[in-house]
Amino acid sequence: MDRQKPESFNPIPVKERLTIPRQNMPEQDPNIRNGNFLEVNLGLTEDQAVIEAQRCIECKKPTCIEGCPVSIQIPDFIQLICKQDFLAAANKIKEDSSLPAVCGRVCPQESQCEAVCVVGKRFESVAIGRLERFVADYAMQHGNGDGSQSNRPEPTGHKIAIVGSGPAGLAAASDLIKEGHEVTVYEALHEFGGVLVYGIPEFRLPKAILRKEVANLENRGVKFIKNFIIGRSMTLQELFEEEGFDAVFLGLGAGLPRFMNIPGENLNGVYSANEFLTRSNLMRGYDFPEWDTPLYRAKHAIIVGGGNTAMDAVRTAKRLGAEEASIVYRRSEEEMPARNEEIHHAKEEGVAFMNLVNPIEFIGDENGSVVAAKCLRMELGEPDASGRRRPVPIEGSEFIMEVDMVVIAVGNGSNPLIAQTTPEIETNKWGNIVADEDGQTSMEGVFAGGDIVTGGATVILAMGAGRKAATAINQYLKTKVGSVA
């Protein structure tokens, strides 16, 4: 059955809407922002948001919804922006997404909802992500009643534990609290948000935004407990037997750093991206000595990798004062998995790109500190399993470059604690938890989703997995544990 179209509040004829240019979001000047940690993108103004919303042509079959992993009713909230009812637009998004201010900033809309926007087939797609960010920020600034006591459903008597407060866990908690269940979120670190708080820099996602999103869930009744390590503080079995939970969702993420297994990776000044970004983001290392977290200030920093994490790390190194901050990537720029926006911003900020180059050894001094990197130049061969052309070393192309800091950003793995302490949970050869399409694991009552299942992916895909698991958990509670009140 076709979806019923929302009421239109757009006074502009469809043909004229196609002539409206996509609105550019204001940004900090690159030569200023590369020396501070303030947010780069400043957000659309109210006038810009309305103009951008008016570019939507109100398709009969809006493919943008299909492109969204959590199925936000995109045309509906855009029409409410046309009406200038920004709070209603924010509430419409929150029917499907618990983190709109986060997703509006860090999700790759250009490869999801905006990639399938009908307008984008001939013109620039509607800036759905920027509009999502605008209404979410507006709601935070003006208040939209989210989390009021009157909105809480009748309690069901069921208890659910969410392990991990990243995007998958927060999305699952948001949906489950709506059902009236008692929901408790456990976090290993001392601040909530998972990869959102330790992995994404302040200049892309201000921590205050994330704290407000978490506070909204607290106001709706979700309990949050920090400094809790599953498998150490308590096992999964103990959550069931001693704490009385009826179901558990594992949204642990994939935070175990991977290295290249080359000589010199144990030298001082060689970081994993996880350590480097955690020290800077979560522990405020960029604000030393105001915050007592030392973080090396490099002169010649290289970041090995081509994803969004690598871009975050190299832009952080630049802001920490590196005279030279370079991306070293073994493929060409075309194969880089990072968002185009992040690559563009890095270039604007003075980051150098050394493509088709791969380190094979890091060289240290007598004190055990890195002083150089031995590299090989590469060329692209036939496509590999990822579909990208495989990098092949060029014989005799070795060279040495001076460096005093290296950040390895070549991916992450899964923490082995679950596998070590809960053999009932099946894992694959990479250590990821095996779960079916609804998130059900091999252990009764235990569900999982996000990076712990799929490996490193996007925030919105993790949220989609959390929402799907929440639906399955609710059904499980009805059929296996007892009927929901």
Protein backbone atom coordinates (compact mmCIF):
# COMPACT_ATOMS: atom_id res chain seq x y z
CA MET A 1 0.00 0.00 0.00
CA ASP A 2 1.32 3.43 -0.94
CA ARG A 3 2.25 5.72 1.89
CA GLN A 4 -0.14 8.63 2.46
CA LYS A 5 1.54 11.90 1.57
CA PRO A 6 1.85 14.50 4.34
CA GLU A 7 -0.05 17.75 4.12
CA SER A 8 1.90 20.19 1.95
CA PHE A 9 2.92 23.55 3.37
CA ASN A 10 5.13 24.48 0.43
CA PRO A 11 3.63 27.40 -1.56
CA ILE A 12 6.18 27.14 -4.40
CA PRO A 13 5.20 25.24 -7.60
CA VAL A 14 7.20 22.04 -8.11
CA LYS A 15 8.99 23.25 -11.26
CA GLU A 16 10.15 26.40 -9.48
CA ARG A 17 11.47 24.38 -6.52
CA LEU A 18 14.04 22.76 -8.82
CA THR A 19 15.54 26.17 -9.55
CA ILE A 20 16.28 26.88 -5.86
CA PRO A 21 20.02 26.36 -5.17
CA ARG A 22 21.08 24.06 -2.33
CA GLN A 23 21.83 26.16 0.74
CA ASN A 24 25.44 26.28 1.88
CA MET A 25 25.98 25.76 5.60
CA PRO A 26 28.17 28.43 7.24
CA GLU A 27 31.57 27.20 8.47
CA GLN A 28 34.49 28.51 10.48
CA ASP A 29 37.29 29.89 8.34
CA PRO A 30 39.80 27.05 7.71
CA ASN A 31 42.79 29.14 8.78
CA ILE A 32 41.11 29.86 12.11
CA ARG A 33 39.45 26.54 12.86
CA ASN A 34 42.63 24.48 12.32
CA GLY A 35 43.90 26.04 15.54
CA ASN A 36 40.82 25.43 17.72
CA PHE A 37 38.44 22.63 18.67
CA LEU A 38 35.21 24.57 18.13
CA GLU A 39 32.63 23.08 15.77
CA VAL A 40 33.51 23.52 12.10
CA ASN A 41 29.99 23.54 10.66
CA LEU A 42 27.85 26.28 12.17
CA GLY A 43 24.39 25.08 11.04
CA LEU A 44 21.71 26.53 8.77
CA THR A 45 19.84 29.68 9.76
CA GLU A 46 16.04 29.55 10.05
CA ASP A 47 15.67 31.26 6.67
CA GLN A 48 18.13 28.88 5.05
CA ALA A 49 16.36 25.86 6.53
CA VAL A 50 12.98 26.95 5.15
CA ILE A 51 14.46 27.64 1.71
CA GLU A 52 16.22 24.28 1.67
CA ALA A 53 13.04 22.49 2.76
CA GLN A 54 11.19 24.13 -0.11
CA ARG A 55 13.49 22.31 -2.55
CA CYS A 56 11.70 19.03 -1.71
CA ILE A 57 9.32 18.09 -4.55
CA GLU A 58 7.12 15.83 -2.37
CA CYS A 59 7.58 12.60 -4.30
CA LYS A 60 4.69 10.14 -4.39
CA LYS A 61 7.13 7.36 -3.47
CA PRO A 62 9.87 9.02 -1.37
CA THR A 63 12.97 6.88 -1.86
CA CYS A 64 14.80 8.94 0.77
CA ILE A 65 12.95 6.99 3.48
CA GLU A 66 14.23 3.72 2.03
CA GLY A 67 17.76 5.16 2.08
CA CYS A 68 17.57 5.86 5.83
CA PRO A 69 18.59 2.90 8.03
CA VAL A 70 16.08 3.93 10.70
CA SER A 71 13.34 4.93 8.22
CA ILE A 72 12.83 8.52 9.33
CA GLN A 73 9.69 9.97 7.69
CA ILE A 74 11.75 12.52 5.83
CA PRO A 75 9.06 14.24 3.67
CA ASP A 76 6.87 14.72 6.76
CA PHE A 77 9.49 16.56 8.78
CA ILE A 78 10.57 18.60 5.75
CA GLN A 79 7.01 19.79 5.18
CA LEU A 80 6.81 20.87 8.82
CA ILE A 81 9.95 22.95 8.25
CA CYS A 82 8.19 24.61 5.29
CA LYS A 83 5.41 25.46 7.75
CA GLN A 84 8.11 26.81 10.12
CA ASP A 85 6.89 24.45 12.83
CA PHE A 86 10.40 23.41 13.78
CA LEU A 87 9.49 21.71 17.07
CA ALA A 88 6.93 19.51 15.34
CA ALA A 89 9.57 18.65 12.72
CA ALA A 90 11.97 17.58 15.47
CA ASN A 91 9.32 15.45 17.14
CA LYS A 92 8.52 13.79 13.82
CA ILE A 93 12.18 12.76 13.46
CA LYS A 94 12.28 11.51 17.05
CA GLU A 95 9.54 9.02 16.29
CA ASP A 96 12.24 7.01 14.51
CA SER A 97 15.61 8.41 15.64
CA SER A 98 16.73 8.94 19.22
CA LEU A 99 19.84 10.96 18.24
CA PRO A 100 18.87 13.49 15.55
CA ALA A 101 21.40 16.15 16.58
CA VAL A 102 24.15 13.52 16.40
CA CYS A 103 23.04 11.92 13.13
CA GLY A 104 22.56 15.31 11.50
CA ARG A 105 26.26 15.92 12.12
CA VAL A 106 28.08 12.65 11.57
CA CYS A 107 25.95 10.38 9.37
CA PRO A 108 26.97 9.93 5.72
CA GLN A 109 23.71 11.20 4.27
CA GLU A 110 25.40 11.61 0.89
CA SER A 111 25.58 7.81 0.59
CA GLN A 112 22.21 7.07 2.22
CA CYS A 113 19.04 9.21 2.16
CA GLU A 114 20.48 11.98 -0.02
CA ALA A 115 22.01 9.47 -2.43
CA VAL A 116 18.53 8.30 -3.47
CA CYS A 117 16.80 11.71 -3.31
CA VAL A 118 14.80 12.14 -6.55
CA VAL A 119 15.87 15.78 -6.84
CA GLY A 120 19.46 14.59 -6.84
CA LYS A 121 18.99 12.69 -10.10
CA ARG A 122 19.20 15.94 -12.07
CA PHE A 123 20.15 18.57 -9.49
CA GLU A 124 21.83 18.65 -6.08
CA SER A 125 19.89 16.52 -3.62
CA VAL A 126 17.91 18.09 -0.79
CA ALA A 127 20.24 18.64 2.21
CA ILE A 128 18.36 16.21 4.44
CA GLY A 129 21.17 15.87 6.99
CA ARG A 130 21.54 19.61 7.43
CA LEU A 131 17.79 19.97 7.91
CA GLU A 132 17.81 17.18 10.50
CA ARG A 133 20.59 18.92 12.38
CA PHE A 134 18.79 22.27 12.20
CA VAL A 135 15.52 21.08 13.75
CA ALA A 136 17.29 18.95 16.36
CA ASP A 137 19.39 21.93 17.48
CA TYR A 138 16.33 24.19 17.42
CA ALA A 139 14.46 21.76 19.68
CA MET A 140 17.38 21.65 22.13
CA GLN A 141 17.51 25.44 22.25
CA HIS A 142 13.77 25.99 22.58
CA GLY A 143 12.55 22.82 24.31
CA ASN A 144 10.08 20.38 22.84
CA GLY A 145 8.77 18.54 25.89
CA ASP A 146 10.82 15.40 25.20
CA GLY A 147 11.03 13.22 28.28
CA SER A 148 8.08 14.65 30.19
CA GLN A 149 6.54 12.44 32.86
CA SER A 150 3.14 12.51 31.10
CA ASN A 151 4.62 10.78 28.04
CA ARG A 152 5.70 7.70 29.95
CA PRO A 153 3.77 4.48 29.30
CA GLU A 154 2.46 2.14 31.97
CA PRO A 155 5.25 -0.08 33.38
CA THR A 156 5.32 -3.64 32.08
CA GLY A 157 7.39 -5.04 34.94
CA HIS A 158 10.07 -6.29 32.56
CA LYS A 159 13.75 -5.37 33.03
CA ILE A 160 16.20 -5.00 30.17
CA ALA A 161 19.95 -4.38 30.36
CA ILE A 162 21.70 -2.50 27.57
CA VAL A 163 25.47 -3.07 27.61
CA GLY A 164 27.19 -0.20 25.82
CA SER A 165 25.99 3.40 25.49
CA GLY A 166 27.01 3.93 21.87
CA PRO A 167 24.52 4.55 19.05
CA ALA A 168 23.18 0.97 18.97
CA GLY A 169 22.60 0.88 22.72
CA LEU A 170 21.02 4.33 22.89
CA ALA A 171 18.67 3.55 20.00
CA ALA A 172 17.59 0.27 21.61
CA ALA A 173 17.08 1.99 24.98
CA SER A 174 14.96 4.71 23.37
CA ASP A 175 12.59 2.23 21.73
CA LEU A 176 12.35 -0.09 24.73
CA ILE A 177 11.56 2.67 27.24
CA LYS A 178 8.65 3.68 25.00
CA GLU A 179 7.15 0.23 25.62
CA GLY A 180 7.13 0.72 29.37
CA HIS A 181 10.01 -1.62 30.21
CA GLU A 182 12.60 -0.83 32.86
CA VAL A 183 15.78 -0.08 30.93
CA THR A 184 19.31 0.18 32.37
CA VAL A 185 22.30 1.16 30.22
CA TYR A 186 25.76 0.02 31.37
CA GLU A 187 28.90 1.80 30.07
CA ALA A 188 32.53 0.76 30.56
CA LEU A 189 33.90 4.32 30.40
CA HIS A 190 33.32 7.29 32.67
CA GLU A 191 31.14 9.15 30.17
CA PHE A 192 28.23 7.98 28.06
CA GLY A 193 28.10 7.79 24.28
CA GLY A 194 30.55 5.07 23.30
CA VAL A 195 32.37 5.84 20.07
CA LEU A 196 30.41 9.10 19.81
CA VAL A 197 32.22 10.47 22.85
CA TYR A 198 35.67 8.86 22.61
CA GLY A 199 36.07 8.61 18.85
CA ILE A 200 34.62 11.78 17.31
CA PRO A 201 36.37 15.11 17.96
CA GLU A 202 34.72 18.13 19.51
CA PHE A 203 35.01 20.06 16.24
CA ARG A 204 32.70 17.53 14.55
CA LEU A 205 30.42 16.57 17.45
CA PRO A 206 30.39 18.80 20.55
CA LYS A 207 30.12 16.75 23.73
CA ALA A 208 27.40 19.08 25.03
CA ILE A 209 25.13 17.93 22.18
CA LEU A 210 25.62 14.28 23.09
CA ARG A 211 25.08 14.93 26.80
CA LYS A 212 21.73 16.56 26.01
CA GLU A 213 20.67 13.56 23.95
CA VAL A 214 21.59 11.25 26.84
CA ALA A 215 19.77 13.54 29.29
CA ASN A 216 16.62 13.26 27.16
CA LEU A 217 16.71 9.49 27.60
CA GLU A 218 17.30 9.87 31.34
CA ASN A 219 14.29 12.17 31.56
CA ARG A 220 12.23 9.48 29.88
CA GLY A 221 13.24 6.97 32.55
CA VAL A 222 16.34 5.22 31.20
CA LYS A 223 18.88 4.47 33.94
CA PHE A 224 22.58 4.96 33.14
CA ILE A 225 25.44 3.27 35.01
CA LYS A 226 29.07 4.03 34.10
CA ASN A 227 32.42 2.37 34.89
CA PHE A 228 30.84 -1.05 34.32
CA ILE A 229 32.80 -3.63 32.30
CA ILE A 230 30.79 -6.65 31.21
CA GLY A 231 32.82 -9.78 31.89
CA ARG A 232 34.67 -8.04 34.73
CA SER A 233 32.24 -6.00 36.82
CA MET A 234 29.62 -8.67 36.20
CA THR A 235 29.05 -11.48 33.71
CA LEU A 236 26.02 -11.86 31.47
CA GLN A 237 24.84 -14.78 33.59
CA GLU A 238 24.98 -12.58 36.70
CA LEU A 239 22.90 -9.88 35.00
CA PHE A 240 20.15 -12.45 34.62
CA GLU A 241 20.55 -14.37 37.87
CA GLU A 242 21.53 -11.64 40.35
CA GLU A 243 20.04 -8.47 38.83
CA GLY A 244 16.87 -10.07 37.51
CA PHE A 245 16.98 -8.85 33.93
CA ASP A 246 14.64 -10.52 31.46
CA ALA A 247 16.71 -9.67 28.37
CA VAL A 248 20.09 -8.15 27.51
CA PHE A 249 21.17 -6.15 24.47
CA LEU A 250 24.90 -6.02 23.67
CA GLY A 251 25.91 -2.83 21.86
CA LEU A 252 29.59 -3.06 22.71
CA GLY A 253 30.99 -1.55 19.53
CA ALA A 254 34.36 -2.53 18.06
CA GLY A 255 36.93 -0.64 20.07
CA LEU A 256 39.93 -2.97 19.98
CA PRO A 257 42.63 -1.27 17.88
CA ARG A 258 44.29 -3.03 14.97
CA PHE A 259 47.95 -2.54 14.10
CA MET A 260 49.96 -3.23 10.95
CA ASN A 261 52.34 -5.80 12.51
CA ILE A 262 55.46 -4.07 11.18
CA PRO A 263 58.73 -3.29 13.00
CA GLY A 264 58.72 -0.25 15.26
CA GLU A 265 55.04 -0.11 16.19
CA ASN A 266 56.00 -0.32 19.88
CA LEU A 267 58.10 2.86 19.75
CA ASN A 268 57.19 5.91 21.81
CA GLY A 269 55.12 8.27 19.69
CA VAL A 270 53.28 5.51 17.80
CA TYR A 271 49.61 5.53 18.80
CA SER A 272 46.56 3.55 17.83
CA ALA A 273 43.83 5.89 16.63
CA ASN A 274 41.73 4.71 19.59
CA GLU A 275 44.28 5.82 22.16
CA PHE A 276 45.09 9.08 20.40
CA LEU A 277 41.46 10.12 19.94
CA THR A 278 40.37 8.89 23.37
CA ARG A 279 43.09 10.93 25.06
CA SER A 280 42.08 14.00 23.07
CA ASN A 281 38.28 13.64 22.96
CA LEU A 282 37.17 11.88 26.11
CA MET A 283 40.04 12.89 28.38
CA ARG A 284 40.45 16.41 26.99
CA GLY A 285 44.12 15.93 26.18
CA TYR A 286 43.90 18.84 23.74
CA ASP A 287 43.31 21.13 26.73
CA PHE A 288 46.47 20.16 28.68
CA PRO A 289 47.45 21.33 31.29
CA GLU A 290 43.95 22.55 32.20
CA TRP A 291 43.03 18.86 31.90
CA ASP A 292 45.71 16.56 33.24
CA THR A 293 45.94 14.24 30.23
CA PRO A 294 49.30 14.47 28.46
CA LEU A 295 49.19 14.17 24.68
CA TYR A 296 52.28 14.52 22.52
CA ARG A 297 52.47 17.67 20.38
CA ALA A 298 54.13 16.56 17.17
CA LYS A 299 56.04 18.55 14.57
CA HIS A 300 55.81 15.92 11.83
CA ALA A 301 52.78 13.65 12.29
CA ILE A 302 51.57 10.97 9.93
CA ILE A 303 48.25 9.18 10.21
CA VAL A 304 48.09 5.81 8.45
CA GLY A 305 44.67 5.09 6.96
CA GLY A 306 41.98 6.65 4.79
CA GLY A 307 38.73 6.42 6.75
CA ASN A 308 36.80 8.93 8.85
CA THR A 309 38.84 7.94 11.92
CA ALA A 310 42.04 8.81 10.08
CA MET A 311 40.59 12.20 9.11
CA ASP A 312 39.57 12.85 12.71
CA ALA A 313 43.06 11.96 13.92
CA VAL A 314 44.98 14.03 11.37
CA ARG A 315 42.77 17.09 11.88
CA THR A 316 43.26 16.70 15.64
CA ALA A 317 47.05 16.50 15.19
CA LYS A 318 46.92 19.68 13.12
CA ARG A 319 44.98 21.47 15.84
CA LEU A 320 47.49 20.30 18.43
CA GLY A 321 50.15 22.26 16.58
CA ALA A 322 51.77 19.84 14.13
CA GLU A 323 53.75 21.78 11.53
CA GLU A 324 53.15 18.92 9.11
CA ALA A 325 50.16 16.60 9.46
CA SER A 326 49.81 14.03 6.70
CA ILE A 327 47.52 11.20 5.68
CA VAL A 328 49.48 8.18 4.46
CA TYR A 329 47.19 5.84 2.52
CA ARG A 330 48.11 2.83 0.45
CA ARG A 331 45.39 3.39 -2.15
CA SER A 332 44.40 6.44 -4.19
CA GLU A 333 42.05 9.15 -2.92
CA GLU A 334 39.25 7.70 -5.02
CA GLU A 335 39.30 4.54 -2.89
CA MET A 336 39.28 6.38 0.44
CA PRO A 337 36.32 5.31 2.61
CA ALA A 338 36.20 8.67 4.44
CA ARG A 339 33.35 11.08 3.72
CA ASN A 340 34.07 13.57 0.97
CA GLU A 341 33.24 16.38 3.37
CA GLU A 342 35.87 15.22 5.86
CA ILE A 343 38.53 14.94 3.13
CA HIS A 344 37.59 18.40 1.85
CA HIS A 345 37.76 19.94 5.33
CA ALA A 346 41.13 18.28 6.03
CA LYS A 347 42.61 19.72 2.84
CA GLU A 348 41.25 23.18 3.64
CA GLU A 349 42.92 22.98 7.05
CA GLY A 350 46.35 22.28 5.61
CA VAL A 351 46.53 18.49 5.86
CA ALA A 352 48.81 16.83 3.29
CA PHE A 353 47.78 13.64 1.49
CA MET A 354 50.35 10.99 0.61
CA ASN A 355 48.36 8.47 -1.42
CA LEU A 356 49.69 5.20 -2.82
CA VAL A 357 52.23 5.06 0.04
CA ASN A 358 52.49 2.37 2.72
CA PRO A 359 54.79 2.28 5.80
CA ILE A 360 56.81 -0.91 6.22
CA GLU A 361 58.87 0.06 9.29
CA PHE A 362 59.07 2.77 11.96
CA ILE A 363 62.58 3.80 13.03
CA GLY A 364 63.46 4.93 16.55
CA ASP A 365 66.28 6.81 18.28
CA GLU A 366 68.39 5.73 21.26
CA ASN A 367 65.55 6.73 23.62
CA GLY A 368 63.02 4.49 21.90
CA SER A 369 61.07 7.32 20.27
CA VAL A 370 59.96 7.25 16.64
CA VAL A 371 62.00 9.55 14.37
CA ALA A 372 61.31 8.20 10.88
CA ALA A 373 59.11 5.95 8.77
CA LYS A 374 60.34 3.68 5.99
CA CYS A 375 57.70 3.56 3.25
CA LEU A 376 57.00 1.94 -0.09
CA ARG A 377 55.23 3.53 -3.03
CA MET A 378 52.28 1.55 -4.35
CA GLU A 379 50.28 1.12 -7.53
CA LEU A 380 46.78 -0.26 -7.97
CA GLY A 381 46.25 -3.77 -9.29
CA GLU A 382 43.12 -5.89 -9.66
CA PRO A 383 40.11 -5.43 -7.32
CA ASP A 384 40.19 -7.33 -4.02
CA ALA A 385 37.36 -8.70 -1.85
CA SER A 386 36.28 -5.16 -0.92
CA GLY A 387 35.75 -4.29 -4.57
CA ARG A 388 38.57 -1.76 -4.51
CA ARG A 389 41.71 -2.14 -6.57
CA ARG A 390 44.40 -3.92 -4.57
CA PRO A 391 47.54 -1.89 -3.75
CA VAL A 392 50.72 -3.50 -5.09
CA PRO A 393 54.25 -2.42 -3.98
CA ILE A 394 56.48 -0.82 -6.60
CA GLU A 395 59.83 -2.57 -6.58
CA GLY A 396 62.73 -0.35 -5.53
CA SER A 397 60.51 2.52 -4.39
CA GLU A 398 61.52 2.56 -0.71
CA PHE A 399 62.06 5.94 0.93
CA ILE A 400 62.44 7.29 4.45
CA MET A 401 60.53 10.26 5.84
CA GLU A 402 61.12 12.14 9.08
CA VAL A 403 58.29 11.80 11.62
CA ASP A 404 57.95 12.25 15.36
CA MET A 405 54.42 10.89 15.77
CA VAL A 406 52.47 8.12 14.03
CA VAL A 407 48.79 7.28 14.44
CA ILE A 408 47.62 3.91 13.12
CA ALA A 409 44.02 4.17 11.86
CA VAL A 410 43.55 0.94 9.91
CA GLY A 411 40.44 -0.42 11.62
CA ASN A 412 39.24 -1.94 14.87
CA GLY A 413 38.29 -5.32 16.23
CA SER A 414 36.03 -6.66 18.97
CA ASN A 415 36.94 -6.80 22.64
CA PRO A 416 37.46 -10.49 23.55
CA LEU A 417 35.96 -10.26 27.07
CA ILE A 418 32.54 -11.58 26.03
CA ALA A 419 34.03 -14.61 24.28
CA GLN A 420 36.33 -15.27 27.24
CA THR A 421 33.67 -15.06 29.94
CA THR A 422 30.55 -16.23 28.13
CA PRO A 423 31.25 -19.26 25.91
CA GLU A 424 27.52 -19.57 25.27
CA ILE A 425 27.81 -16.54 22.95
CA GLU A 426 28.91 -17.63 19.48
CA THR A 427 31.51 -15.42 17.79
CA ASN A 428 33.04 -15.55 14.32
CA LYS A 429 36.70 -15.77 13.34
CA TRP A 430 37.10 -11.99 13.76
CA GLY A 431 35.66 -12.09 17.30
CA ASN A 432 32.38 -10.44 16.31
CA ILE A 433 29.21 -11.73 17.96
CA VAL A 434 27.07 -13.89 15.68
CA ALA A 435 23.44 -12.72 15.61
CA ASP A 436 20.50 -13.25 13.29
CA GLU A 437 18.78 -10.43 11.39
CA ASP A 438 16.77 -9.52 14.51
CA GLY A 439 19.84 -9.44 16.75
CA GLN A 440 19.21 -12.73 18.56
CA THR A 441 22.46 -14.40 19.65
CA SER A 442 23.13 -18.03 20.50
CA MET A 443 22.34 -17.34 24.18
CA GLU A 444 18.74 -17.27 25.33
CA GLY A 445 17.51 -13.73 25.98
CA VAL A 446 20.69 -12.05 24.71
CA PHE A 447 20.57 -9.81 21.64
CA ALA A 448 23.33 -7.84 19.93
CA GLY A 449 23.73 -5.23 17.25
CA GLY A 450 26.00 -2.56 15.79
CA ASP A 451 29.76 -2.81 15.28
CA ILE A 452 30.11 -5.76 17.68
CA VAL A 453 28.17 -7.79 15.09
CA THR A 454 29.03 -6.17 11.76
CA GLY A 455 32.47 -4.74 12.46
CA GLY A 456 33.12 -1.01 12.09
CA ALA A 457 30.27 0.78 10.29
CA THR A 458 28.30 4.02 10.57
CA VAL A 459 26.40 5.55 13.48
CA ILE A 460 23.04 5.31 11.73
CA LEU A 461 23.53 1.65 10.75
CA ALA A 462 24.30 0.84 14.39
CA MET A 463 21.15 2.70 15.42
CA GLY A 464 19.14 0.73 12.88
CA ALA A 465 20.46 -2.51 14.37
CA GLY A 466 19.57 -1.29 17.87
CA ARG A 467 16.01 -0.47 16.80
CA LYS A 468 15.57 -3.83 15.08
CA ALA A 469 16.81 -5.66 18.17
CA ALA A 470 14.48 -3.61 20.38
CA THR A 471 11.51 -4.81 18.32
CA ALA A 472 12.73 -8.40 18.65
CA ILE A 473 13.27 -8.02 22.40
CA ASN A 474 9.76 -6.70 22.87
CA GLN A 475 8.37 -9.69 20.96
CA TYR A 476 10.59 -12.04 22.98
CA LEU A 477 9.24 -10.62 26.23
CA LYS A 478 5.67 -11.19 25.03
CA THR A 479 6.16 -14.76 23.88
CA LYS A 480 8.95 -16.21 26.03
CA VAL A 481 8.93 -14.32 29.32
CA GLY A 482 5.29 -13.41 29.67
CA SER A 483 2.71 -11.06 28.23
CA VAL A 484 3.46 -7.35 28.36
CA ALA A 485 1.03 -5.32 30.41
